[in-house]
Amino acid sequence: MALFLHNSPQYFIAHYAIQMIGAIVGPCSPSFKALEWAYQVSDMDAEVIIASDTLYPVVAQARAENKLRRIIVTHYGARLWS
């Protein structure tokens, strides 16, 4: 599973959850452009990605170049209370 998130609570929760189910975590740098992202995801044979809504345009741009079966998008403001 690929993680395409900035350092955030969502990153740490997703990383831990992926390890708990016995899957392999493949972190992707949030500074990647579409070509770099597509290469890494293809190279790691990821089938699932968890991405932030701010980074989703990069995922959408290079979506056809990999074999992702599921894309999970999160919002950094989710689950924050004032």
C-alpha atoms as a PDB file:
ATOM      1  CA  MET A   1       0.000   0.000   0.000  1.00  0.00           C
ATOM      2  CA  ALA A   2       1.314   3.404  -0.944  1.00  0.00           C
ATOM      3  CA  LEU A   3       1.052   6.429   1.318  1.00  0.00           C
ATOM      4  CA  PHE A   4       1.037   9.816  -0.405  1.00  0.00           C
ATOM      5  CA  LEU A   5       0.607  12.162   2.542  1.00  0.00           C
ATOM      6  CA  HIS A   6       2.451  14.944   4.320  1.00  0.00           C
ATOM      7  CA  ASN A   7       3.511  14.423   7.930  1.00  0.00           C
ATOM      8  CA  SER A   8       0.143  14.494   9.633  1.00  0.00           C
ATOM      9  CA  PRO A   9      -1.995  12.461  12.022  1.00  0.00           C
ATOM     10  CA  GLN A  10      -3.513  10.728   8.978  1.00  0.00           C
ATOM     11  CA  TYR A  11      -0.062   9.552   7.871  1.00  0.00           C
ATOM     12  CA  PHE A  12       0.780   7.977  11.210  1.00  0.00           C
ATOM     13  CA  ILE A  13      -2.650   6.387  11.611  1.00  0.00           C
ATOM     14  CA  ALA A  14      -2.529   4.928   8.085  1.00  0.00           C
ATOM     15  CA  HIS A  15       1.070   3.714   8.492  1.00  0.00           C
ATOM     16  CA  TYR A  16       0.246   1.926  11.735  1.00  0.00           C
ATOM     17  CA  ALA A  17      -3.004   0.457  10.346  1.00  0.00           C
ATOM     18  CA  ILE A  18      -1.210  -0.900   7.275  1.00  0.00           C
ATOM     19  CA  GLN A  19       1.362  -2.600   9.493  1.00  0.00           C
ATOM     20  CA  MET A  20      -1.369  -4.011  11.733  1.00  0.00           C
ATOM     21  CA  ILE A  21      -3.042  -5.795   8.814  1.00  0.00           C
ATOM     22  CA  GLY A  22       0.295  -7.229   7.716  1.00  0.00           C
ATOM     23  CA  ALA A  23       0.625  -5.241   4.495  1.00  0.00           C
ATOM     24  CA  ILE A  24       3.739  -3.427   3.306  1.00  0.00           C
ATOM     25  CA  VAL A  25       3.914   0.362   3.633  1.00  0.00           C
ATOM     26  CA  GLY A  26       5.337   2.241   0.663  1.00  0.00           C
ATOM     27  CA  PRO A  27       5.692   5.921   1.538  1.00  0.00           C
ATOM     28  CA  CYS A  28       5.790   8.367  -1.386  1.00  0.00           C
ATOM     29  CA  SER A  29       7.263  11.829  -0.999  1.00  0.00           C
ATOM     30  CA  PRO A  30       4.611  14.549  -1.075  1.00  0.00           C
ATOM     31  CA  SER A  31       6.995  16.621  -3.199  1.00  0.00           C
ATOM     32  CA  PHE A  32       6.788  14.112  -6.081  1.00  0.00           C
ATOM     33  CA  LYS A  33       5.436  15.274  -9.401  1.00  0.00           C
ATOM     34  CA  ALA A  34       3.211  12.960 -11.462  1.00  0.00           C
ATOM     35  CA  LEU A  35       6.052  11.216 -13.335  1.00  0.00           C
ATOM     36  CA  GLU A  36       8.061  10.511 -10.174  1.00  0.00           C
ATOM     37  CA  TRP A  37       4.971   9.339  -8.315  1.00  0.00           C
ATOM     38  CA  ALA A  38       3.870   7.063 -11.164  1.00  0.00           C
ATOM     39  CA  TYR A  39       7.318   5.473 -11.371  1.00  0.00           C
ATOM     40  CA  GLN A  40       7.502   4.727  -7.645  1.00  0.00           C
ATOM     41  CA  VAL A  41       3.965   3.338  -7.390  1.00  0.00           C
ATOM     42  CA  SER A  42       4.532   1.183 -10.466  1.00  0.00           C
ATOM     43  CA  ASP A  43       7.903  -0.013  -9.179  1.00  0.00           C
ATOM     44  CA  MET A  44       6.459  -1.067  -5.816  1.00  0.00           C
ATOM     45  CA  ASP A  45       3.457  -2.772  -7.479  1.00  0.00           C
ATOM     46  CA  ALA A  46       1.064  -0.942  -5.159  1.00  0.00           C
ATOM     47  CA  GLU A  47      -2.601  -1.799  -5.561  1.00  0.00           C
ATOM     48  CA  VAL A  48      -3.957   0.609  -2.939  1.00  0.00           C
ATOM     49  CA  ILE A  49      -2.997   4.196  -2.155  1.00  0.00           C
ATOM     50  CA  ILE A  50      -3.959   6.545   0.626  1.00  0.00           C
ATOM     51  CA  ALA A  51      -3.535  10.154  -0.497  1.00  0.00           C
ATOM     52  CA  SER A  52      -4.471  13.575   0.767  1.00  0.00           C
ATOM     53  CA  ASP A  53      -7.034  15.599  -1.118  1.00  0.00           C
ATOM     54  CA  THR A  54      -4.349  18.220  -1.822  1.00  0.00           C
ATOM     55  CA  LEU A  55      -2.112  15.601  -3.492  1.00  0.00           C
ATOM     56  CA  TYR A  56      -4.906  13.802  -5.332  1.00  0.00           C
ATOM     57  CA  PRO A  57      -4.412  15.827  -8.568  1.00  0.00           C
ATOM     58  CA  VAL A  58      -0.980  14.187  -8.921  1.00  0.00           C
ATOM     59  CA  VAL A  59      -2.586  10.753  -8.483  1.00  0.00           C
ATOM     60  CA  ALA A  60      -5.322  11.549 -11.009  1.00  0.00           C
ATOM     61  CA  GLN A  61      -2.818  12.848 -13.545  1.00  0.00           C
ATOM     62  CA  ALA A  62      -0.765   9.624 -13.561  1.00  0.00           C
ATOM     63  CA  ARG A  63      -3.556   7.159 -12.726  1.00  0.00           C
ATOM     64  CA  ALA A  64      -3.470   5.315 -16.051  1.00  0.00           C
ATOM     65  CA  GLU A  65       0.203   4.415 -15.679  1.00  0.00           C
ATOM     66  CA  ASN A  66      -0.198   1.976 -12.776  1.00  0.00           C
ATOM     67  CA  LYS A  67      -2.368  -0.860 -11.539  1.00  0.00           C
ATOM     68  CA  LEU A  68      -4.039   0.739  -8.537  1.00  0.00           C
ATOM     69  CA  ARG A  69      -7.295  -0.964  -7.619  1.00  0.00           C
ATOM     70  CA  ARG A  70      -8.360   1.443  -4.888  1.00  0.00           C
ATOM     71  CA  ILE A  71      -7.635   5.087  -4.039  1.00  0.00           C
ATOM     72  CA  ILE A  72      -8.457   6.352  -0.560  1.00  0.00           C
ATOM     73  CA  VAL A  73      -8.485  10.134  -0.187  1.00  0.00           C
ATOM     74  CA  THR A  74      -8.299  11.934   3.141  1.00  0.00           C
ATOM     75  CA  HIS A  75      -8.641  15.556   4.157  1.00  0.00           C
ATOM     76  CA  TYR A  76      -6.177  17.037   6.651  1.00  0.00           C
ATOM     77  CA  GLY A  77      -8.952  18.907   8.460  1.00  0.00           C
ATOM     78  CA  ALA A  78     -10.976  15.754   9.012  1.00  0.00           C
ATOM     79  CA  ARG A  79     -11.578  14.771  12.604  1.00  0.00           C
ATOM     80  CA  LEU A  80     -10.357  18.109  14.012  1.00  0.00           C
ATOM     81  CA  TRP A  81     -12.568  19.811  16.534  1.00  0.00           C
ATOM     82  CA  SER A  82     -12.331  23.375  17.832  1.00  0.00           C
END
